[in-house]
Amino acid sequence: MKRFLTILFLLICFVASAEQRDSVAKTEKHAAHKSEYPVLGMWKHGYVATGFATNQPITKYSSDVKFQISLALRLWNIKEKVDIFATYTQRSVWDMYQQSCPFRETAYNPGLWVAWRTGEKVRLLFGIEHESNGIGLESGNSRSFNYATVACLYEPLDHWRFGARAWYGYFFHDEDINQRYFQYRGVMQLWGTFHTRDERLQVTALVNPTVTFTKFNAQVEASWRLAKRGDWIPSLFVQYCYGYGDTMIDYNHRSSKIRIGISLINNKLNLY
């Protein structure tokens, strides 16, 4: 009887141990296939900043407020490497210091993206986007484009991130203006970001050559997060832009502007 009870006890312990190992294995398998991105998070970084043109006298006509809202909804995760996103970005330039405080332009930019993490240091992104300023054809200021985009994000070192993005734009109307638009906007961007180990301080330099590579649009920005940890902690933000395309309407007007404000930054999937 004692032998039987001993064997029964050992059998129960063996079964319990096996079930525990199976449970741990399932948990680890599930964790391995869990996406590293939230269901709802930031896409491009969001900010609100005010500033002025550096190539003009500082007046209410050369000063403005610019802000951007950008979100990504993760639709599907394929194992642990591929994620599909629906994205939406809205960017506005607001002449807040002028009489009646009009908005100069608001650009709307929905998209569908695939993000593929090919390794620990490399991410590839493929997207289809629409961008327009929401103005009708009758005004003469309508800008409406569609893009096929490919991007690569590379993080070779602890303190550095690099990115490259190229796009092909196509359109449905006003072909003459749209073709000239891409001569100033160009078809690619290159950027590099230096950040501290805790990513509290970040400095980014971006270059956007025009189609002919005879002119370059440039952007430099820096941010300082107000707290050491947290994905949704705002940062102090300063941005300097030089070149064309500050707004879609004024795509062929060269400007030089500096703005200071508050930003929220996506450190994993940050496109410009």
C-alpha atoms as a PDB file:
ATOM      1  CA  MET A   1       0.000   0.000   0.000  1.00  0.00           C
ATOM      2  CA  LYS A   2       2.784   2.376   0.919  1.00  0.00           C
ATOM      3  CA  ARG A   3       4.563   1.556  -2.341  1.00  0.00           C
ATOM      4  CA  PHE A   4       1.378   2.269  -4.286  1.00  0.00           C
ATOM      5  CA  LEU A   5       0.875   5.627  -2.525  1.00  0.00           C
ATOM      6  CA  THR A   6       4.502   6.515  -3.146  1.00  0.00           C
ATOM      7  CA  ILE A   7       4.205   5.707  -6.845  1.00  0.00           C
ATOM      8  CA  LEU A   8       0.905   7.659  -7.033  1.00  0.00           C
ATOM      9  CA  PHE A   9       2.493  10.658  -5.335  1.00  0.00           C
ATOM     10  CA  LEU A  10       5.463  10.634  -7.707  1.00  0.00           C
ATOM     11  CA  LEU A  11       3.126  10.309 -10.707  1.00  0.00           C
ATOM     12  CA  ILE A  12       1.078  13.309  -9.571  1.00  0.00           C
ATOM     13  CA  CYS A  13       4.258  15.356  -9.079  1.00  0.00           C
ATOM     14  CA  PHE A  14       5.472  14.351 -12.558  1.00  0.00           C
ATOM     15  CA  VAL A  15       2.150  15.309 -14.198  1.00  0.00           C
ATOM     16  CA  ALA A  16       2.043  18.639 -12.338  1.00  0.00           C
ATOM     17  CA  SER A  17       5.621  19.394 -13.343  1.00  0.00           C
ATOM     18  CA  ALA A  18       4.878  18.545 -16.984  1.00  0.00           C
ATOM     19  CA  GLU A  19       1.810  20.788 -17.001  1.00  0.00           C
ATOM     20  CA  GLN A  20       3.826  23.609 -15.483  1.00  0.00           C
ATOM     21  CA  ARG A  21       6.561  23.255 -18.113  1.00  0.00           C
ATOM     22  CA  ASP A  22       3.924  23.196 -20.853  1.00  0.00           C
ATOM     23  CA  SER A  23       2.291  26.315 -19.438  1.00  0.00           C
ATOM     24  CA  VAL A  24       5.631  28.142 -19.286  1.00  0.00           C
ATOM     25  CA  ALA A  25       6.447  27.071 -22.849  1.00  0.00           C
ATOM     26  CA  LYS A  26       3.091  28.361 -24.120  1.00  0.00           C
ATOM     27  CA  THR A  27       3.607  31.654 -22.280  1.00  0.00           C
ATOM     28  CA  GLU A  28       7.089  32.048 -23.731  1.00  0.00           C
ATOM     29  CA  LYS A  29       5.827  31.182 -27.218  1.00  0.00           C
ATOM     30  CA  HIS A  30       3.033  33.724 -26.892  1.00  0.00           C
ATOM     31  CA  ALA A  31       5.467  36.356 -25.646  1.00  0.00           C
ATOM     32  CA  ALA A  32       7.825  35.641 -28.522  1.00  0.00           C
ATOM     33  CA  HIS A  33       5.047  36.350 -31.018  1.00  0.00           C
ATOM     34  CA  LYS A  34       3.875  39.497 -29.263  1.00  0.00           C
ATOM     35  CA  SER A  35       4.342  42.714 -31.213  1.00  0.00           C
ATOM     36  CA  GLU A  36       6.794  45.271 -29.859  1.00  0.00           C
ATOM     37  CA  TYR A  37       4.441  48.086 -30.902  1.00  0.00           C
ATOM     38  CA  PRO A  38       1.287  49.194 -29.044  1.00  0.00           C
ATOM     39  CA  VAL A  39      -2.150  48.733 -30.592  1.00  0.00           C
ATOM     40  CA  LEU A  40      -2.555  52.512 -30.677  1.00  0.00           C
ATOM     41  CA  GLY A  41       0.520  54.706 -30.593  1.00  0.00           C
ATOM     42  CA  MET A  42       2.431  57.515 -32.254  1.00  0.00           C
ATOM     43  CA  TRP A  43       3.575  57.328 -35.862  1.00  0.00           C
ATOM     44  CA  LYS A  44       5.532  60.412 -36.818  1.00  0.00           C
ATOM     45  CA  HIS A  45       6.310  62.561 -33.830  1.00  0.00           C
ATOM     46  CA  GLY A  46       3.694  65.054 -32.733  1.00  0.00           C
ATOM     47  CA  TYR A  47       4.436  68.619 -31.720  1.00  0.00           C
ATOM     48  CA  VAL A  48       3.147  72.144 -31.293  1.00  0.00           C
ATOM     49  CA  ALA A  49       5.691  74.920 -31.812  1.00  0.00           C
ATOM     50  CA  THR A  50       5.753  78.631 -32.507  1.00  0.00           C
ATOM     51  CA  GLY A  51       8.421  80.659 -34.241  1.00  0.00           C
ATOM     52  CA  PHE A  52       9.390  83.091 -36.953  1.00  0.00           C
ATOM     53  CA  ALA A  53      11.188  83.401 -40.280  1.00  0.00           C
ATOM     54  CA  THR A  54      14.905  84.070 -39.911  1.00  0.00           C
ATOM     55  CA  ASN A  55      15.269  85.607 -43.385  1.00  0.00           C
ATOM     56  CA  GLN A  56      12.663  88.333 -42.736  1.00  0.00           C
ATOM     57  CA  PRO A  57      11.995  90.981 -40.087  1.00  0.00           C
ATOM     58  CA  ILE A  58      10.147  89.494 -37.105  1.00  0.00           C
ATOM     59  CA  THR A  59       6.520  90.611 -37.448  1.00  0.00           C
ATOM     60  CA  LYS A  60       3.110  89.052 -37.008  1.00  0.00           C
ATOM     61  CA  TYR A  61       3.227  88.140 -40.716  1.00  0.00           C
ATOM     62  CA  SER A  62       6.517  86.238 -40.472  1.00  0.00           C
ATOM     63  CA  SER A  63       5.565  84.431 -37.228  1.00  0.00           C
ATOM     64  CA  ASP A  64       3.212  81.477 -36.838  1.00  0.00           C
ATOM     65  CA  VAL A  65       2.366  78.277 -34.960  1.00  0.00           C
ATOM     66  CA  LYS A  66       2.890  74.832 -36.460  1.00  0.00           C
ATOM     67  CA  PHE A  67       1.552  71.601 -35.024  1.00  0.00           C
ATOM     68  CA  GLN A  68       1.360  67.965 -36.035  1.00  0.00           C
ATOM     69  CA  ILE A  69      -0.745  65.060 -34.769  1.00  0.00           C
ATOM     70  CA  SER A  70       0.236  61.563 -35.910  1.00  0.00           C
ATOM     71  CA  LEU A  71      -1.207  58.204 -34.797  1.00  0.00           C
ATOM     72  CA  ALA A  72      -0.812  54.563 -35.811  1.00  0.00           C
ATOM     73  CA  LEU A  73      -3.377  51.799 -35.259  1.00  0.00           C
ATOM     74  CA  ARG A  74      -1.785  48.340 -35.357  1.00  0.00           C
ATOM     75  CA  LEU A  75      -4.147  46.120 -37.353  1.00  0.00           C
ATOM     76  CA  TRP A  76      -2.272  42.840 -37.427  1.00  0.00           C
ATOM     77  CA  ASN A  77       0.915  41.253 -36.166  1.00  0.00           C
ATOM     78  CA  ILE A  78       2.381  38.384 -38.211  1.00  0.00           C
ATOM     79  CA  LYS A  79       4.497  36.378 -35.779  1.00  0.00           C
ATOM     80  CA  GLU A  80       6.950  38.718 -34.136  1.00  0.00           C
ATOM     81  CA  LYS A  81       8.490  40.450 -37.171  1.00  0.00           C
ATOM     82  CA  VAL A  82       5.796  41.978 -39.371  1.00  0.00           C
ATOM     83  CA  ASP A  83       3.135  44.499 -38.340  1.00  0.00           C
ATOM     84  CA  ILE A  84       0.460  46.206 -40.417  1.00  0.00           C
ATOM     85  CA  PHE A  85      -0.635  49.727 -39.456  1.00  0.00           C
ATOM     86  CA  ALA A  86      -3.318  52.200 -40.433  1.00  0.00           C
ATOM     87  CA  THR A  87      -1.836  55.662 -39.921  1.00  0.00           C
ATOM     88  CA  TYR A  88      -3.087  59.226 -39.853  1.00  0.00           C
ATOM     89  CA  THR A  89      -1.097  62.464 -39.704  1.00  0.00           C
ATOM     90  CA  GLN A  90      -2.462  65.996 -39.669  1.00  0.00           C
ATOM     91  CA  ARG A  91      -0.186  69.014 -39.950  1.00  0.00           C
ATOM     92  CA  SER A  92      -1.302  72.641 -39.654  1.00  0.00           C
ATOM     93  CA  VAL A  93       0.342  76.035 -40.030  1.00  0.00           C
ATOM     94  CA  TRP A  94      -1.590  78.639 -38.053  1.00  0.00           C
ATOM     95  CA  ASP A  95      -1.143  82.394 -38.506  1.00  0.00           C
ATOM     96  CA  MET A  96      -2.130  82.927 -34.889  1.00  0.00           C
ATOM     97  CA  TYR A  97      -0.606  86.389 -34.552  1.00  0.00           C
ATOM     98  CA  GLN A  98      -2.545  87.928 -37.424  1.00  0.00           C
ATOM     99  CA  GLN A  99      -5.999  89.424 -37.246  1.00  0.00           C
ATOM    100  CA  SER A 100      -8.739  86.746 -36.975  1.00  0.00           C
ATOM    101  CA  CYS A 101      -5.996  84.100 -36.465  1.00  0.00           C
ATOM    102  CA  PRO A 102      -6.509  82.219 -39.765  1.00  0.00           C
ATOM    103  CA  PHE A 103      -5.068  78.812 -40.587  1.00  0.00           C
ATOM    104  CA  ARG A 104      -2.763  79.132 -43.568  1.00  0.00           C
ATOM    105  CA  GLU A 105      -3.016  75.425 -44.366  1.00  0.00           C
ATOM    106  CA  THR A 106      -3.941  72.042 -42.906  1.00  0.00           C
ATOM    107  CA  ALA A 107      -2.578  68.908 -44.596  1.00  0.00           C
ATOM    108  CA  TYR A 108      -4.237  65.494 -44.153  1.00  0.00           C
ATOM    109  CA  ASN A 109      -2.141  62.351 -44.551  1.00  0.00           C
ATOM    110  CA  PRO A 110      -3.758  58.891 -44.049  1.00  0.00           C
ATOM    111  CA  GLY A 111      -1.819  55.758 -44.948  1.00  0.00           C
ATOM    112  CA  LEU A 112      -1.489  51.983 -44.777  1.00  0.00           C
ATOM    113  CA  TRP A 113       1.928  50.605 -43.785  1.00  0.00           C
ATOM    114  CA  VAL A 114       3.793  47.344 -43.329  1.00  0.00           C
ATOM    115  CA  ALA A 115       6.698  47.373 -40.849  1.00  0.00           C
ATOM    116  CA  TRP A 116       9.137  44.462 -41.098  1.00  0.00           C
ATOM    117  CA  ARG A 117      11.816  44.001 -38.444  1.00  0.00           C
ATOM    118  CA  THR A 118      14.480  42.130 -40.373  1.00  0.00           C
ATOM    119  CA  GLY A 119      16.902  42.067 -37.438  1.00  0.00           C
ATOM    120  CA  GLU A 120      17.692  43.683 -34.129  1.00  0.00           C
ATOM    121  CA  LYS A 121      19.048  46.792 -35.848  1.00  0.00           C
ATOM    122  CA  VAL A 122      17.096  47.094 -39.113  1.00  0.00           C
ATOM    123  CA  ARG A 123      13.456  47.832 -39.922  1.00  0.00           C
ATOM    124  CA  LEU A 124      11.958  48.092 -43.400  1.00  0.00           C
ATOM    125  CA  LEU A 125       8.687  49.909 -44.033  1.00  0.00           C
ATOM    126  CA  PHE A 126       6.409  49.878 -47.070  1.00  0.00           C
ATOM    127  CA  GLY A 127       3.486  52.258 -47.335  1.00  0.00           C
ATOM    128  CA  ILE A 128       0.713  53.699 -49.473  1.00  0.00           C
ATOM    129  CA  GLU A 129      -0.268  57.248 -48.516  1.00  0.00           C
ATOM    130  CA  HIS A 130      -2.595  60.031 -49.520  1.00  0.00           C
ATOM    131  CA  GLU A 131      -1.836  63.665 -48.742  1.00  0.00           C
ATOM    132  CA  SER A 132      -3.931  66.718 -49.493  1.00  0.00           C
ATOM    133  CA  ASN A 133      -4.683  70.146 -48.092  1.00  0.00           C
ATOM    134  CA  GLY A 134      -8.442  69.680 -48.321  1.00  0.00           C
ATOM    135  CA  ILE A 135      -8.996  72.604 -50.695  1.00  0.00           C
ATOM    136  CA  GLY A 136     -11.287  72.319 -53.706  1.00  0.00           C
ATOM    137  CA  LEU A 137     -10.104  72.584 -57.315  1.00  0.00           C
ATOM    138  CA  GLU A 138     -11.978  75.823 -57.962  1.00  0.00           C
ATOM    139  CA  SER A 139      -9.692  77.817 -55.620  1.00  0.00           C
ATOM    140  CA  GLY A 140      -6.508  77.100 -57.571  1.00  0.00           C
ATOM    141  CA  ASN A 141      -4.700  76.122 -54.338  1.00  0.00           C
ATOM    142  CA  SER A 142      -5.704  72.469 -54.267  1.00  0.00           C
ATOM    143  CA  ARG A 143      -2.866  70.038 -53.589  1.00  0.00           C
ATOM    144  CA  SER A 144      -3.653  66.319 -53.646  1.00  0.00           C
ATOM    145  CA  PHE A 145      -1.197  63.450 -54.055  1.00  0.00           C
ATOM    146  CA  ASN A 146      -0.822  59.738 -53.531  1.00  0.00           C
ATOM    147  CA  TYR A 147       2.451  58.076 -52.644  1.00  0.00           C
ATOM    148  CA  ALA A 148       4.055  54.677 -52.724  1.00  0.00           C
ATOM    149  CA  THR A 149       6.783  54.802 -50.081  1.00  0.00           C
ATOM    150  CA  VAL A 150       9.654  52.606 -48.921  1.00  0.00           C
ATOM    151  CA  ALA A 151      11.798  53.384 -45.881  1.00  0.00           C
ATOM    152  CA  CYS A 152      14.666  51.851 -43.933  1.00  0.00           C
ATOM    153  CA  LEU A 153      15.486  52.505 -40.264  1.00  0.00           C
ATOM    154  CA  TYR A 154      18.934  51.441 -39.087  1.00  0.00           C
ATOM    155  CA  GLU A 155      20.300  51.549 -35.534  1.00  0.00           C
ATOM    156  CA  PRO A 156      23.940  50.399 -35.696  1.00  0.00           C
ATOM    157  CA  LEU A 157      25.137  51.894 -32.403  1.00  0.00           C
ATOM    158  CA  ASP A 158      23.707  52.542 -28.953  1.00  0.00           C
ATOM    159  CA  HIS A 159      23.510  56.300 -29.469  1.00  0.00           C
ATOM    160  CA  TRP A 160      22.717  56.582 -33.177  1.00  0.00           C
ATOM    161  CA  ARG A 161      19.753  55.962 -35.467  1.00  0.00           C
ATOM    162  CA  PHE A 162      19.680  56.514 -39.220  1.00  0.00           C
ATOM    163  CA  GLY A 163      16.834  56.560 -41.720  1.00  0.00           C
ATOM    164  CA  ALA A 164      16.188  56.789 -45.440  1.00  0.00           C
ATOM    165  CA  ARG A 165      12.858  57.223 -47.171  1.00  0.00           C
ATOM    166  CA  ALA A 166      11.991  57.336 -50.863  1.00  0.00           C
ATOM    167  CA  TRP A 167       8.598  57.819 -52.503  1.00  0.00           C
ATOM    168  CA  TYR A 168       6.896  57.913 -55.845  1.00  0.00           C
ATOM    169  CA  GLY A 169       4.000  60.353 -56.153  1.00  0.00           C
ATOM    170  CA  TYR A 170       1.111  60.119 -58.510  1.00  0.00           C
ATOM    171  CA  PHE A 171      -1.999  62.249 -58.885  1.00  0.00           C
ATOM    172  CA  PHE A 172      -5.414  62.595 -60.476  1.00  0.00           C
ATOM    173  CA  HIS A 173      -5.680  66.244 -61.537  1.00  0.00           C
ATOM    174  CA  ASP A 174      -3.731  69.471 -62.175  1.00  0.00           C
ATOM    175  CA  GLU A 175      -0.763  67.532 -63.494  1.00  0.00           C
ATOM    176  CA  ASP A 176       1.324  70.613 -64.285  1.00  0.00           C
ATOM    177  CA  ILE A 177       1.357  71.928 -60.694  1.00  0.00           C
ATOM    178  CA  ASN A 178       1.895  68.493 -59.223  1.00  0.00           C
ATOM    179  CA  GLN A 179       4.928  67.803 -61.407  1.00  0.00           C
ATOM    180  CA  ARG A 180       6.471  71.124 -60.354  1.00  0.00           C
ATOM    181  CA  TYR A 181       5.665  70.262 -56.737  1.00  0.00           C
ATOM    182  CA  PHE A 182       7.925  67.211 -56.784  1.00  0.00           C
ATOM    183  CA  GLN A 183      10.737  69.242 -58.343  1.00  0.00           C
ATOM    184  CA  TYR A 184      10.859  71.200 -55.080  1.00  0.00           C
ATOM    185  CA  ARG A 185       9.802  68.521 -52.623  1.00  0.00           C
ATOM    186  CA  GLY A 186      12.099  65.870 -54.075  1.00  0.00           C
ATOM    187  CA  VAL A 187      11.609  62.114 -53.850  1.00  0.00           C
ATOM    188  CA  MET A 188      13.709  61.073 -50.841  1.00  0.00           C
ATOM    189  CA  GLN A 189      14.888  61.969 -47.329  1.00  0.00           C
ATOM    190  CA  LEU A 190      17.986  61.020 -45.353  1.00  0.00           C
ATOM    191  CA  TRP A 191      18.380  61.621 -41.621  1.00  0.00           C
ATOM    192  CA  GLY A 192      20.463  60.748 -38.594  1.00  0.00           C
ATOM    193  CA  THR A 193      19.628  60.992 -34.897  1.00  0.00           C
ATOM    194  CA  PHE A 194      21.973  61.136 -31.922  1.00  0.00           C
ATOM    195  CA  HIS A 195      20.393  60.261 -28.560  1.00  0.00           C
ATOM    196  CA  THR A 196      21.569  59.686 -25.029  1.00  0.00           C
ATOM    197  CA  ARG A 197      21.354  56.194 -23.547  1.00  0.00           C
ATOM    198  CA  ASP A 198      18.063  56.959 -21.769  1.00  0.00           C
ATOM    199  CA  GLU A 199      16.842  58.758 -24.957  1.00  0.00           C
ATOM    200  CA  ARG A 200      16.057  61.850 -22.941  1.00  0.00           C
ATOM    201  CA  LEU A 201      18.051  64.088 -25.290  1.00  0.00           C
ATOM    202  CA  GLN A 202      17.771  63.686 -29.070  1.00  0.00           C
ATOM    203  CA  VAL A 203      19.228  65.690 -31.955  1.00  0.00           C
ATOM    204  CA  THR A 204      18.227  64.984 -35.583  1.00  0.00           C
ATOM    205  CA  ALA A 205      19.569  66.325 -38.881  1.00  0.00           C
ATOM    206  CA  LEU A 206      17.566  65.682 -42.077  1.00  0.00           C
ATOM    207  CA  VAL A 207      18.380  66.354 -45.730  1.00  0.00           C
ATOM    208  CA  ASN A 208      15.806  66.291 -48.530  1.00  0.00           C
ATOM    209  CA  PRO A 209      17.344  66.820 -52.008  1.00  0.00           C
ATOM    210  CA  THR A 210      15.176  68.058 -54.850  1.00  0.00           C
ATOM    211  CA  VAL A 211      14.674  65.915 -57.940  1.00  0.00           C
ATOM    212  CA  THR A 212      17.580  67.519 -59.805  1.00  0.00           C
ATOM    213  CA  PHE A 213      19.880  67.415 -56.745  1.00  0.00           C
ATOM    214  CA  THR A 214      20.689  71.088 -57.373  1.00  0.00           C
ATOM    215  CA  LYS A 215      18.956  72.253 -54.170  1.00  0.00           C
ATOM    216  CA  PHE A 216      18.582  70.712 -50.734  1.00  0.00           C
ATOM    217  CA  ASN A 217      15.918  71.169 -48.106  1.00  0.00           C
ATOM    218  CA  ALA A 218      17.322  70.771 -44.591  1.00  0.00           C
ATOM    219  CA  GLN A 219      15.897  70.374 -41.099  1.00  0.00           C
ATOM    220  CA  VAL A 220      17.594  70.237 -37.685  1.00  0.00           C
ATOM    221  CA  GLU A 221      15.714  69.613 -34.467  1.00  0.00           C
ATOM    222  CA  ALA A 222      16.468  68.816 -30.838  1.00  0.00           C
ATOM    223  CA  SER A 223      14.272  67.602 -27.983  1.00  0.00           C
ATOM    224  CA  TRP A 224      14.728  67.209 -24.228  1.00  0.00           C
ATOM    225  CA  ARG A 225      12.213  64.927 -22.471  1.00  0.00           C
ATOM    226  CA  LEU A 226      10.835  66.425 -19.280  1.00  0.00           C
ATOM    227  CA  ALA A 227      11.097  63.119 -17.358  1.00  0.00           C
ATOM    228  CA  LYS A 228      13.644  60.309 -17.562  1.00  0.00           C
ATOM    229  CA  ARG A 229      11.211  57.502 -18.423  1.00  0.00           C
ATOM    230  CA  GLY A 230       7.893  57.088 -20.227  1.00  0.00           C
ATOM    231  CA  ASP A 231       6.654  56.884 -23.827  1.00  0.00           C
ATOM    232  CA  TRP A 232       4.061  59.626 -23.494  1.00  0.00           C
ATOM    233  CA  ILE A 233       6.199  62.184 -21.639  1.00  0.00           C
ATOM    234  CA  PRO A 234       6.417  65.509 -23.545  1.00  0.00           C
ATOM    235  CA  SER A 235       9.734  67.030 -24.563  1.00  0.00           C
ATOM    236  CA  LEU A 236      10.945  70.569 -24.994  1.00  0.00           C
ATOM    237  CA  PHE A 237      11.433  70.952 -28.731  1.00  0.00           C
ATOM    238  CA  VAL A 238      13.266  73.272 -31.124  1.00  0.00           C
ATOM    239  CA  GLN A 239      13.184  72.941 -34.923  1.00  0.00           C
ATOM    240  CA  TYR A 240      14.989  74.819 -37.694  1.00  0.00           C
ATOM    241  CA  CYS A 241      13.884  74.359 -41.336  1.00  0.00           C
ATOM    242  CA  TYR A 242      15.479  75.715 -44.474  1.00  0.00           C
ATOM    243  CA  GLY A 243      14.320  75.196 -48.041  1.00  0.00           C
ATOM    244  CA  TYR A 244      11.050  74.593 -49.826  1.00  0.00           C
ATOM    245  CA  GLY A 245       7.770  72.976 -48.860  1.00  0.00           C
ATOM    246  CA  ASP A 246       6.976  74.390 -45.422  1.00  0.00           C
ATOM    247  CA  THR A 247       3.383  74.257 -46.668  1.00  0.00           C
ATOM    248  CA  MET A 248       1.867  72.492 -49.657  1.00  0.00           C
ATOM    249  CA  ILE A 249       0.459  75.744 -51.055  1.00  0.00           C
ATOM    250  CA  ASP A 250       3.818  77.533 -50.925  1.00  0.00           C
ATOM    251  CA  TYR A 251       5.778  74.555 -52.218  1.00  0.00           C
ATOM    252  CA  ASN A 252       7.958  76.746 -54.483  1.00  0.00           C
ATOM    253  CA  HIS A 253       8.685  79.476 -51.913  1.00  0.00           C
ATOM    254  CA  ARG A 254      11.969  79.157 -50.074  1.00  0.00           C
ATOM    255  CA  SER A 255      11.817  79.835 -46.343  1.00  0.00           C
ATOM    256  CA  SER A 256      14.019  79.708 -43.261  1.00  0.00           C
ATOM    257  CA  LYS A 257      12.194  79.256 -39.952  1.00  0.00           C
ATOM    258  CA  ILE A 258      12.941  78.424 -36.344  1.00  0.00           C
ATOM    259  CA  ARG A 259      10.236  77.198 -33.975  1.00  0.00           C
ATOM    260  CA  ILE A 260      10.187  76.245 -30.283  1.00  0.00           C
ATOM    261  CA  GLY A 261       7.533  74.170 -28.505  1.00  0.00           C
ATOM    262  CA  ILE A 262       6.522  70.809 -27.032  1.00  0.00           C
ATOM    263  CA  SER A 263       6.733  67.416 -28.747  1.00  0.00           C
ATOM    264  CA  LEU A 264       5.949  63.712 -28.324  1.00  0.00           C
ATOM    265  CA  ILE A 265       8.427  61.408 -30.052  1.00  0.00           C
ATOM    266  CA  ASN A 266       8.114  57.854 -31.367  1.00  0.00           C
ATOM    267  CA  ASN A 267      11.572  56.315 -30.981  1.00  0.00           C
ATOM    268  CA  LYS A 268      10.809  53.016 -32.783  1.00  0.00           C
ATOM    269  CA  LEU A 269       9.008  54.075 -35.949  1.00  0.00           C
ATOM    270  CA  ASN A 270       9.745  57.734 -36.500  1.00  0.00           C
ATOM    271  CA  LEU A 271       9.400  58.936 -40.092  1.00  0.00           C
ATOM    272  CA  TYR A 272       9.594  62.529 -41.291  1.00  0.00           C
END
